[in-house]
mmCIF file of all heavy atoms, coordinates in Angstrom:
data_MODEL
# 
_entry.id   MODEL 
# 
loop_
_atom_site.group_PDB 
_atom_site.id 
_atom_site.type_symbol 
_atom_site.label_atom_id 
_atom_site.label_alt_id 
_atom_site.label_comp_id 
_atom_site.label_asym_id 
_atom_site.label_entity_id 
_atom_site.label_seq_id 
_atom_site.pdbx_PDB_ins_code 
_atom_site.Cartn_x 
_atom_site.Cartn_y 
_atom_site.Cartn_z 
_atom_site.occupancy 
_atom_site.B_iso_or_equiv 
_atom_site.pdbx_formal_charge 
_atom_site.auth_seq_id 
_atom_site.auth_comp_id 
_atom_site.auth_asym_id 
_atom_site.auth_atom_id 
_atom_site.pdbx_PDB_model_num 
ATOM 1   N N   . PRO A 1 1  ? 116.274 123.855 -132.898 1.00 0.00 ? 1  PRO A N   1 
ATOM 2   C CA  . PRO A 1 1  ? 116.603 122.446 -132.667 1.00 0.00 ? 1  PRO A CA  1 
ATOM 3   C C   . PRO A 1 1  ? 116.904 122.208 -131.187 1.00 0.00 ? 1  PRO A C   1 
ATOM 4   O O   . PRO A 1 1  ? 117.643 122.975 -130.565 1.00 0.00 ? 1  PRO A O   1 
ATOM 5   C CB  . PRO A 1 1  ? 117.853 122.226 -133.525 1.00 0.00 ? 1  PRO A CB  1 
ATOM 6   C CG  . PRO A 1 1  ? 118.472 123.579 -133.654 1.00 0.00 ? 1  PRO A CG  1 
ATOM 7   C CD  . PRO A 1 1  ? 117.342 124.561 -133.652 1.00 0.00 ? 1  PRO A CD  1 
ATOM 8   N N   . ASN A 1 2  ? 116.299 121.182 -130.626 1.00 0.00 ? 2  ASN A N   1 
ATOM 9   C CA  . ASN A 1 2  ? 116.581 120.805 -129.241 1.00 0.00 ? 2  ASN A CA  1 
ATOM 10  C C   . ASN A 1 2  ? 117.581 119.661 -129.210 1.00 0.00 ? 2  ASN A C   1 
ATOM 11  O O   . ASN A 1 2  ? 117.552 118.777 -130.060 1.00 0.00 ? 2  ASN A O   1 
ATOM 12  C CB  . ASN A 1 2  ? 115.290 120.386 -128.530 1.00 0.00 ? 2  ASN A CB  1 
ATOM 13  C CG  . ASN A 1 2  ? 114.394 121.561 -128.225 1.00 0.00 ? 2  ASN A CG  1 
ATOM 14  O OD1 . ASN A 1 2  ? 114.721 122.409 -127.416 1.00 0.00 ? 2  ASN A OD1 1 
ATOM 15  N ND2 . ASN A 1 2  ? 113.243 121.623 -128.902 1.00 0.00 ? 2  ASN A ND2 1 
ATOM 16  N N   . GLY A 1 3  ? 118.453 119.693 -128.211 1.00 0.00 ? 3  GLY A N   1 
ATOM 17  C CA  . GLY A 1 3  ? 119.458 118.643 -128.073 1.00 0.00 ? 3  GLY A CA  1 
ATOM 18  C C   . GLY A 1 3  ? 120.847 119.168 -128.357 1.00 0.00 ? 3  GLY A C   1 
ATOM 19  O O   . GLY A 1 3  ? 121.180 120.315 -128.036 1.00 0.00 ? 3  GLY A O   1 
ATOM 20  N N   . LEU A 1 4  ? 121.669 118.330 -128.966 1.00 0.00 ? 4  LEU A N   1 
ATOM 21  C CA  . LEU A 1 4  ? 123.066 118.679 -129.235 1.00 0.00 ? 4  LEU A CA  1 
ATOM 22  C C   . LEU A 1 4  ? 123.132 119.657 -130.411 1.00 0.00 ? 4  LEU A C   1 
ATOM 23  O O   . LEU A 1 4  ? 122.862 119.293 -131.546 1.00 0.00 ? 4  LEU A O   1 
ATOM 24  C CB  . LEU A 1 4  ? 123.867 117.415 -129.542 1.00 0.00 ? 4  LEU A CB  1 
ATOM 25  C CG  . LEU A 1 4  ? 125.376 117.601 -129.740 1.00 0.00 ? 4  LEU A CG  1 
ATOM 26  C CD1 . LEU A 1 4  ? 126.040 118.134 -128.474 1.00 0.00 ? 4  LEU A CD1 1 
ATOM 27  C CD2 . LEU A 1 4  ? 126.008 116.264 -130.151 1.00 0.00 ? 4  LEU A CD2 1 
ATOM 28  N N   . GLN A 1 5  ? 123.516 120.897 -130.124 1.00 0.00 ? 5  GLN A N   1 
ATOM 29  C CA  . GLN A 1 5  ? 123.615 121.919 -131.165 1.00 0.00 ? 5  GLN A CA  1 
ATOM 30  C C   . GLN A 1 5  ? 125.046 122.101 -131.669 1.00 0.00 ? 5  GLN A C   1 
ATOM 31  O O   . GLN A 1 5  ? 125.246 122.424 -132.834 1.00 0.00 ? 5  GLN A O   1 
ATOM 32  C CB  . GLN A 1 5  ? 123.076 123.252 -130.637 1.00 0.00 ? 5  GLN A CB  1 
ATOM 33  C CG  . GLN A 1 5  ? 121.578 123.232 -130.367 1.00 0.00 ? 5  GLN A CG  1 
ATOM 34  C CD  . GLN A 1 5  ? 121.034 124.612 -130.031 1.00 0.00 ? 5  GLN A CD  1 
ATOM 35  O OE1 . GLN A 1 5  ? 121.767 125.499 -129.596 1.00 0.00 ? 5  GLN A OE1 1 
ATOM 36  N NE2 . GLN A 1 5  ? 119.740 124.793 -130.230 1.00 0.00 ? 5  GLN A NE2 1 
ATOM 37  N N   . VAL A 1 6  ? 126.016 121.914 -130.799 1.00 0.00 ? 6  VAL A N   1 
ATOM 38  C CA  . VAL A 1 6  ? 127.429 121.980 -131.180 1.00 0.00 ? 6  VAL A CA  1 
ATOM 39  C C   . VAL A 1 6  ? 128.141 120.821 -130.493 1.00 0.00 ? 6  VAL A C   1 
ATOM 40  O O   . VAL A 1 6  ? 128.027 120.659 -129.281 1.00 0.00 ? 6  VAL A O   1 
ATOM 41  C CB  . VAL A 1 6  ? 128.084 123.315 -130.759 1.00 0.00 ? 6  VAL A CB  1 
ATOM 42  C CG1 . VAL A 1 6  ? 129.565 123.330 -131.144 1.00 0.00 ? 6  VAL A CG1 1 
ATOM 43  C CG2 . VAL A 1 6  ? 127.355 124.500 -131.385 1.00 0.00 ? 6  VAL A CG2 1 
ATOM 44  N N   . GLU A 1 7  ? 128.867 120.026 -131.284 1.00 0.00 ? 7  GLU A N   1 
ATOM 45  C CA  . GLU A 1 7  ? 129.527 118.830 -130.743 1.00 0.00 ? 7  GLU A CA  1 
ATOM 46  C C   . GLU A 1 7  ? 130.964 119.142 -130.330 1.00 0.00 ? 7  GLU A C   1 
ATOM 47  O O   . GLU A 1 7  ? 131.733 119.729 -131.089 1.00 0.00 ? 7  GLU A O   1 
ATOM 48  C CB  . GLU A 1 7  ? 129.523 117.718 -131.786 1.00 0.00 ? 7  GLU A CB  1 
ATOM 49  C CG  . GLU A 1 7  ? 130.121 116.405 -131.279 1.00 0.00 ? 7  GLU A CG  1 
ATOM 50  C CD  . GLU A 1 7  ? 130.047 115.312 -132.320 1.00 0.00 ? 7  GLU A CD  1 
ATOM 51  O OE1 . GLU A 1 7  ? 129.574 115.579 -133.449 1.00 0.00 ? 7  GLU A OE1 1 
ATOM 52  O OE2 . GLU A 1 7  ? 130.472 114.178 -132.021 1.00 0.00 ? 7  GLU A OE2 1 
ATOM 53  N N   . GLY A 1 8  ? 131.296 118.732 -129.109 1.00 0.00 ? 8  GLY A N   1 
ATOM 54  C CA  . GLY A 1 8  ? 132.646 118.895 -128.596 1.00 0.00 ? 8  GLY A CA  1 
ATOM 55  C C   . GLY A 1 8  ? 133.302 117.557 -128.328 1.00 0.00 ? 8  GLY A C   1 
ATOM 56  O O   . GLY A 1 8  ? 133.070 116.584 -129.040 1.00 0.00 ? 8  GLY A O   1 
ATOM 57  N N   . ARG A 1 9  ? 134.086 117.496 -127.249 1.00 0.00 ? 9  ARG A N   1 
ATOM 58  C CA  . ARG A 1 9  ? 134.830 116.275 -126.944 1.00 0.00 ? 9  ARG A CA  1 
ATOM 59  C C   . ARG A 1 9  ? 133.888 115.112 -126.633 1.00 0.00 ? 9  ARG A C   1 
ATOM 60  O O   . ARG A 1 9  ? 132.770 115.323 -126.141 1.00 0.00 ? 9  ARG A O   1 
ATOM 61  C CB  . ARG A 1 9  ? 135.803 116.514 -125.792 1.00 0.00 ? 9  ARG A CB  1 
ATOM 62  C CG  . ARG A 1 9  ? 135.191 116.964 -124.500 1.00 0.00 ? 9  ARG A CG  1 
ATOM 63  C CD  . ARG A 1 9  ? 136.260 117.288 -123.451 1.00 0.00 ? 9  ARG A CD  1 
ATOM 64  N NE  . ARG A 1 9  ? 137.045 118.459 -123.805 1.00 0.00 ? 9  ARG A NE  1 
ATOM 65  C CZ  . ARG A 1 9  ? 136.828 119.684 -123.322 1.00 0.00 ? 9  ARG A CZ  1 
ATOM 66  N NH1 . ARG A 1 9  ? 135.847 119.886 -122.449 1.00 0.00 ? 9  ARG A NH1 1 
ATOM 67  N NH2 . ARG A 1 9  ? 137.580 120.691 -123.688 1.00 0.00 ? 9  ARG A NH2 1 
ATOM 68  N N   . PRO A 1 10 ? 134.312 113.875 -126.910 1.00 0.00 ? 10 PRO A N   1 
ATOM 69  C CA  . PRO A 1 10 ? 133.412 112.725 -126.809 1.00 0.00 ? 10 PRO A CA  1 
ATOM 70  C C   . PRO A 1 10 ? 133.121 112.261 -125.386 1.00 0.00 ? 10 PRO A C   1 
ATOM 71  O O   . PRO A 1 10 ? 132.191 111.487 -125.181 1.00 0.00 ? 10 PRO A O   1 
ATOM 72  C CB  . PRO A 1 10 ? 134.130 111.635 -127.600 1.00 0.00 ? 10 PRO A CB  1 
ATOM 73  C CG  . PRO A 1 10 ? 135.570 112.001 -127.526 1.00 0.00 ? 10 PRO A CG  1 
ATOM 74  C CD  . PRO A 1 10 ? 135.609 113.499 -127.532 1.00 0.00 ? 10 PRO A CD  1 
ATOM 75  N N   . GLN A 1 11 ? 133.909 112.701 -124.408 1.00 0.00 ? 11 GLN A N   1 
ATOM 76  C CA  . GLN A 1 11 ? 133.692 112.285 -123.025 1.00 0.00 ? 11 GLN A CA  1 
ATOM 77  C C   . GLN A 1 11 ? 133.302 113.491 -122.165 1.00 0.00 ? 11 GLN A C   1 
ATOM 78  O O   . GLN A 1 11 ? 133.808 114.599 -122.373 1.00 0.00 ? 11 GLN A O   1 
ATOM 79  C CB  . GLN A 1 11 ? 134.954 111.634 -122.449 1.00 0.00 ? 11 GLN A CB  1 
ATOM 80  C CG  . GLN A 1 11 ? 135.333 110.320 -123.114 1.00 0.00 ? 11 GLN A CG  1 
ATOM 81  C CD  . GLN A 1 11 ? 134.326 109.223 -122.808 1.00 0.00 ? 11 GLN A CD  1 
ATOM 82  O OE1 . GLN A 1 11 ? 133.968 108.984 -121.656 1.00 0.00 ? 11 GLN A OE1 1 
ATOM 83  N NE2 . GLN A 1 11 ? 133.864 108.538 -123.851 1.00 0.00 ? 11 GLN A NE2 1 
ATOM 84  N N   . VAL A 1 12 ? 132.422 113.262 -121.211 1.00 0.00 ? 12 VAL A N   1 
ATOM 85  C CA  . VAL A 1 12 ? 131.889 114.336 -120.374 1.00 0.00 ? 12 VAL A CA  1 
ATOM 86  C C   . VAL A 1 12 ? 132.071 113.990 -118.905 1.00 0.00 ? 12 VAL A C   1 
ATOM 87  O O   . VAL A 1 12 ? 131.696 112.900 -118.466 1.00 0.00 ? 12 VAL A O   1 
ATOM 88  C CB  . VAL A 1 12 ? 130.380 114.555 -120.643 1.00 0.00 ? 12 VAL A CB  1 
ATOM 89  C CG1 . VAL A 1 12 ? 129.815 115.624 -119.719 1.00 0.00 ? 12 VAL A CG1 1 
ATOM 90  C CG2 . VAL A 1 12 ? 130.143 114.895 -122.099 1.00 0.00 ? 12 VAL A CG2 1 
ATOM 91  N N   . SER A 1 13 ? 132.644 114.919 -118.156 1.00 0.00 ? 13 SER A N   1 
ATOM 92  C CA  . SER A 1 13 ? 132.708 114.765 -116.701 1.00 0.00 ? 13 SER A CA  1 
ATOM 93  C C   . SER A 1 13 ? 132.185 115.995 -115.971 1.00 0.00 ? 13 SER A C   1 
ATOM 94  O O   . SER A 1 13 ? 131.798 115.915 -114.815 1.00 0.00 ? 13 SER A O   1 
ATOM 95  C CB  . SER A 1 13 ? 134.145 114.466 -116.245 1.00 0.00 ? 13 SER A CB  1 
ATOM 96  O OG  . SER A 1 13 ? 135.013 115.520 -116.590 1.00 0.00 ? 13 SER A OG  1 
ATOM 97  N N   . ARG A 1 14 ? 132.150 117.147 -116.654 1.00 0.00 ? 14 ARG A N   1 
ATOM 98  C CA  . ARG A 1 14 ? 131.703 118.380 -116.005 1.00 0.00 ? 14 ARG A CA  1 
ATOM 99  C C   . ARG A 1 14 ? 130.718 119.123 -116.902 1.00 0.00 ? 14 ARG A C   1 
ATOM 100 O O   . ARG A 1 14 ? 131.011 119.424 -118.059 1.00 0.00 ? 14 ARG A O   1 
ATOM 101 C CB  . ARG A 1 14 ? 132.891 119.281 -115.682 1.00 0.00 ? 14 ARG A CB  1 
ATOM 102 C CG  . ARG A 1 14 ? 132.514 120.592 -114.978 1.00 0.00 ? 14 ARG A CG  1 
ATOM 103 C CD  . ARG A 1 14 ? 133.747 121.370 -114.563 1.00 0.00 ? 14 ARG A CD  1 
ATOM 104 N NE  . ARG A 1 14 ? 134.537 120.592 -113.612 1.00 0.00 ? 14 ARG A NE  1 
ATOM 105 C CZ  . ARG A 1 14 ? 135.778 120.899 -113.252 1.00 0.00 ? 14 ARG A CZ  1 
ATOM 106 N NH1 . ARG A 1 14 ? 136.387 121.945 -113.800 1.00 0.00 ? 14 ARG A NH1 1 
ATOM 107 N NH2 . ARG A 1 14 ? 136.429 120.157 -112.379 1.00 0.00 ? 14 ARG A NH2 1 
ATOM 108 N N   . ILE A 1 15 ? 129.549 119.440 -116.330 1.00 0.00 ? 15 ILE A N   1 
ATOM 109 C CA  . ILE A 1 15 ? 128.501 120.185 -117.023 1.00 0.00 ? 15 ILE A CA  1 
ATOM 110 C C   . ILE A 1 15 ? 128.394 121.580 -116.410 1.00 0.00 ? 15 ILE A C   1 
ATOM 111 O O   . ILE A 1 15 ? 128.368 121.724 -115.183 1.00 0.00 ? 15 ILE A O   1 
ATOM 112 C CB  . ILE A 1 15 ? 127.124 119.495 -116.889 1.00 0.00 ? 15 ILE A CB  1 
ATOM 113 C CG1 . ILE A 1 15 ? 127.162 118.065 -117.424 1.00 0.00 ? 15 ILE A CG1 1 
ATOM 114 C CG2 . ILE A 1 15 ? 126.042 120.297 -117.611 1.00 0.00 ? 15 ILE A CG2 1 
ATOM 115 C CD1 . ILE A 1 15 ? 125.889 117.299 -117.114 1.00 0.00 ? 15 ILE A CD1 1 
ATOM 116 N N   . VAL A 1 16 ? 128.303 122.578 -117.258 1.00 0.00 ? 16 VAL A N   1 
ATOM 117 C CA  . VAL A 1 16 ? 127.945 123.923 -116.828 1.00 0.00 ? 16 VAL A CA  1 
ATOM 118 C C   . VAL A 1 16 ? 126.563 124.229 -117.380 1.00 0.00 ? 16 VAL A C   1 
ATOM 119 O O   . VAL A 1 16 ? 126.301 123.992 -118.566 1.00 0.00 ? 16 VAL A O   1 
ATOM 120 C CB  . VAL A 1 16 ? 128.965 124.969 -117.314 1.00 0.00 ? 16 VAL A CB  1 
ATOM 121 C CG1 . VAL A 1 16 ? 128.365 126.374 -117.309 1.00 0.00 ? 16 VAL A CG1 1 
ATOM 122 C CG2 . VAL A 1 16 ? 130.205 124.955 -116.437 1.00 0.00 ? 16 VAL A CG2 1 
ATOM 123 N N   . THR A 1 17 ? 125.662 124.724 -116.536 1.00 0.00 ? 17 THR A N   1 
ATOM 124 C CA  . THR A 1 17 ? 124.333 125.127 -116.988 1.00 0.00 ? 17 THR A CA  1 
ATOM 125 C C   . THR A 1 17 ? 124.175 126.628 -116.854 1.00 0.00 ? 17 THR A C   1 
ATOM 126 O O   . THR A 1 17 ? 124.809 127.279 -116.023 1.00 0.00 ? 17 THR A O   1 
ATOM 127 C CB  . THR A 1 17 ? 123.213 124.425 -116.192 1.00 0.00 ? 17 THR A CB  1 
ATOM 128 O OG1 . THR A 1 17 ? 123.367 124.702 -114.795 1.00 0.00 ? 17 THR A OG1 1 
ATOM 129 C CG2 . THR A 1 17 ? 123.236 122.926 -116.425 1.00 0.00 ? 17 THR A CG2 1 
ATOM 130 N N   . GLY A 1 18 ? 123.299 127.178 -117.697 1.00 0.00 ? 18 GLY A N   1 
ATOM 131 C CA  . GLY A 1 18 ? 122.963 128.594 -117.665 1.00 0.00 ? 18 GLY A CA  1 
ATOM 132 C C   . GLY A 1 18 ? 121.704 128.815 -118.466 1.00 0.00 ? 18 GLY A C   1 
ATOM 133 O O   . GLY A 1 18 ? 121.264 127.932 -119.214 1.00 0.00 ? 18 GLY A O   1 
ATOM 134 N N   . VAL A 1 19 ? 121.106 129.978 -118.340 1.00 0.00 ? 19 VAL A N   1 
ATOM 135 C CA  . VAL A 1 19 ? 119.857 130.252 -119.038 1.00 0.00 ? 19 VAL A CA  1 
ATOM 136 C C   . VAL A 1 19 ? 120.078 130.394 -120.537 1.00 0.00 ? 19 VAL A C   1 
ATOM 137 O O   . VAL A 1 19 ? 119.375 129.799 -121.347 1.00 0.00 ? 19 VAL A O   1 
ATOM 138 C CB  . VAL A 1 19 ? 119.174 131.514 -118.470 1.00 0.00 ? 19 VAL A CB  1 
ATOM 139 C CG1 . VAL A 1 19 ? 117.905 131.840 -119.249 1.00 0.00 ? 19 VAL A CG1 1 
ATOM 140 C CG2 . VAL A 1 19 ? 118.845 131.318 -116.988 1.00 0.00 ? 19 VAL A CG2 1 
ATOM 141 N N   . THR A 1 20 ? 121.076 131.179 -120.925 1.00 0.00 ? 20 THR A N   1 
ATOM 142 C CA  . THR A 1 20 ? 121.302 131.518 -122.327 1.00 0.00 ? 20 THR A CA  1 
ATOM 143 C C   . THR A 1 20 ? 122.771 131.301 -122.691 1.00 0.00 ? 20 THR A C   1 
ATOM 144 O O   . THR A 1 20 ? 123.662 131.638 -121.902 1.00 0.00 ? 20 THR A O   1 
ATOM 145 C CB  . THR A 1 20 ? 120.925 132.991 -122.590 1.00 0.00 ? 20 THR A CB  1 
ATOM 146 O OG1 . THR A 1 20 ? 119.536 133.173 -122.294 1.00 0.00 ? 20 THR A OG1 1 
ATOM 147 C CG2 . THR A 1 20 ? 121.192 133.400 -124.028 1.00 0.00 ? 20 THR A CG2 1 
ATOM 148 N N   . ALA A 1 21 ? 123.005 130.788 -123.888 1.00 0.00 ? 21 ALA A N   1 
ATOM 149 C CA  . ALA A 1 21 ? 124.381 130.534 -124.340 1.00 0.00 ? 21 ALA A CA  1 
ATOM 150 C C   . ALA A 1 21 ? 125.015 131.822 -124.856 1.00 0.00 ? 21 ALA A C   1 
ATOM 151 O O   . ALA A 1 21 ? 125.441 131.930 -126.008 1.00 0.00 ? 21 ALA A O   1 
ATOM 152 C CB  . ALA A 1 21 ? 124.388 129.454 -125.411 1.00 0.00 ? 21 ALA A CB  1 
ATOM 153 N N   . SER A 1 22 ? 125.080 132.811 -123.987 1.00 0.00 ? 22 SER A N   1 
ATOM 154 C CA  . SER A 1 22 ? 125.702 134.094 -124.307 1.00 0.00 ? 22 SER A CA  1 
ATOM 155 C C   . SER A 1 22 ? 127.217 133.948 -124.287 1.00 0.00 ? 22 SER A C   1 
ATOM 156 O O   . SER A 1 22 ? 127.766 132.975 -123.761 1.00 0.00 ? 22 SER A O   1 
ATOM 157 C CB  . SER A 1 22 ? 125.270 135.141 -123.290 1.00 0.00 ? 22 SER A CB  1 
ATOM 158 O OG  . SER A 1 22 ? 125.743 134.786 -121.994 1.00 0.00 ? 22 SER A OG  1 
ATOM 159 N N   . GLN A 1 23 ? 127.902 134.961 -124.809 1.00 0.00 ? 23 GLN A N   1 
ATOM 160 C CA  . GLN A 1 23 ? 129.363 134.936 -124.763 1.00 0.00 ? 23 GLN A CA  1 
ATOM 161 C C   . GLN A 1 23 ? 129.868 134.936 -123.321 1.00 0.00 ? 23 GLN A C   1 
ATOM 162 O O   . GLN A 1 23 ? 130.865 134.276 -123.005 1.00 0.00 ? 23 GLN A O   1 
ATOM 163 C CB  . GLN A 1 23 ? 129.934 136.133 -125.513 1.00 0.00 ? 23 GLN A CB  1 
ATOM 164 C CG  . GLN A 1 23 ? 131.447 136.067 -125.703 1.00 0.00 ? 23 GLN A CG  1 
ATOM 165 C CD  . GLN A 1 23 ? 131.884 134.919 -126.599 1.00 0.00 ? 23 GLN A CD  1 
ATOM 166 O OE1 . GLN A 1 23 ? 131.357 134.760 -127.698 1.00 0.00 ? 23 GLN A OE1 1 
ATOM 167 N NE2 . GLN A 1 23 ? 132.830 134.109 -126.143 1.00 0.00 ? 23 GLN A NE2 1 
ATOM 168 N N   . ALA A 1 24 ? 129.170 135.639 -122.442 1.00 0.00 ? 24 ALA A N   1 
ATOM 169 C CA  . ALA A 1 24 ? 129.570 135.666 -121.038 1.00 0.00 ? 24 ALA A CA  1 
ATOM 170 C C   . ALA A 1 24 ? 129.517 134.270 -120.418 1.00 0.00 ? 24 ALA A C   1 
ATOM 171 O O   . ALA A 1 24 ? 130.424 133.877 -119.672 1.00 0.00 ? 24 ALA A O   1 
ATOM 172 C CB  . ALA A 1 24 ? 128.682 136.625 -120.245 1.00 0.00 ? 24 ALA A CB  1 
# 
């Protein structure tokens, strides 16, 4: 599935990007 896979808080001010959603 592409898009929102896990929903968190309703407001966003900071995005972190990475290649893979690993534990690290």
